[in-house]
Amino acid sequence: MTRFTRRDTLQLGLGALAGSTMLGSRALLAEVPVKSVPVPNWPIEKGASLRVLRPSKFVAADEEWFLKNTEKFTAETGVPVKVEFESWEDLRPKTAVAANVGSGPDVIVGWSDDPFQYADKLHDMTDLATYLGEKYGGWWPLAEKYGIKNGRWISIPFGAAGGRIVYRKSWIEQAGYSDVPQDLDGFLDLCRKLKQIGHPAGFALGNAVGDANAWCYWLLWAHGGAVVDENDRVILDSKETVEALKYGKALYETFIPGTESWLDPANNKAFLAGQISLTQNGISIYFAALNSNDPNVRALADDIYHARMPIGPVGFPTERCLVVNCMVFKYTPYPNAAKHYIRFMMEREQYDTFLTKCIGYWNHPLKAYDESDVWKTDPKVTPYQHVMADSLWDGYKGSLGPASQAVLADFVVVQMVAAVCTGQLSPEEAAREAAKRAKRYYRS
């Protein structure tokens, strides 16, 4: 590979550098279609160095290949980059501190609609988003939803972890099913029979950023409920919400004890330990089994399958995904270096390998990556292929903004479901209480 110094990079505006990375790339990358689009001319600032904050890994390859691609960026630009991995629960508070203090990481790979909380403090990313979109076949509409506010890109969605059903096929066959039912009645019946044969289900009900939000929002939306309507008016106290909570209570009764305290790692551990037969999760459980040093756990991979979440009375899929969203705050002295870093990490030579090594744990926001080999080599991975094409957004049915971000961060929906499941409140009481909490943020 041709090695460029930082001075070369500055002189070329990184246009030639983008082409140089292709010289040493593997031929398989040609399967991801790209257009020839010139790299924007953002001269990297003199003496630039970057500090990057992002969520901790759930699959080992996530951290490994993120760091390898980061090292590659430094080698080709001369820009030192320090990457910090933060726990899922602590990432949002650390983002808030940086935004409020006006000092911190140059790039924050934060959660979902967090950028909408800080839109006026973020650099405009429209030129970068336009470049990537033109080169890689356009953005999925959900990515545009999470990236754009008032006509400008305030962030760059890097990917999303999807919530699909993860299950032990042999155990659901013991329960009398060949596949996971795609209707709510059938799904509940399966979970009841799994519990009867000693293989209960288990979904996170603690303040789990990914897993609890994923299935609780699915539950609400599947029954036709939502936090707000199209005009951002709170509608959480509704008959649809009550029906969702009644179903959630019935489903919870099939769970292994203790799920009300589960955070994001808990269902992974329970599944791999053989304590549960079915959960909702990203592909990290399957990844862990495939790569385990324990032969008994590794053998479990043959029995792990994935399916879409059932469709409720609303009549269409209502899954949620956990988006990771790249922000560049105005306090950084190196905005051009930061934008080039994000661009570099999402270019085919880096991003396709990242997707493949993570076996699709992070789903792609750019349509061209639909042709990545990761979606073609293992049919167990395929259910995660269109996470960003199929999912609803956190503020559904309304808009993304500070209110939707605050409701999500405050776990309003999760705690509403948990209160009913654990018997603290009736469905009607929980819906009323959650609506009151939501109105504090939506001020309606």
Foldseek 3Di string as FASTA:
>chain_A
DDFAEQVNCLVVLCQVVVVVLVVPFDPLLVLLAWDDDGDDRDRWDPPAEFEEEEADDLFPLLVVLVVVLQVVLCRRNVHHYHYDHDHLLCLLVVVVVCLVVVDDGQKYFAWQQSCQARQVFFDFCQVLQVRVQNTRVHFFVLQCQSQDDPHTGQWGFAFWFWWWKKFQQVLLVVLVDNDQDQELVSNLSSQQSSLVVQAHAAFALELALFGLVFVLQQLLVLLPHAQAAAVRHGDLLDPSLQVSLVSLLSNLVSHDPDRNRDYDCVNLVCVLVRNHGMYIGGCSSLSCLCPPPDVVSVVSNVRIATGHHHHHPVPAGAGAIIITIMTRGPSDPTNSSSSVSSSSCNDSSSVLVSCQSVLNSTEGRGPSCLSRCSCPPDVRSVVNHCRSNRYDGQNPPYGRHQLSVVLSSVCLSSVLSSCCNVVVDRSNVSSVVSSVVSCVSSVD
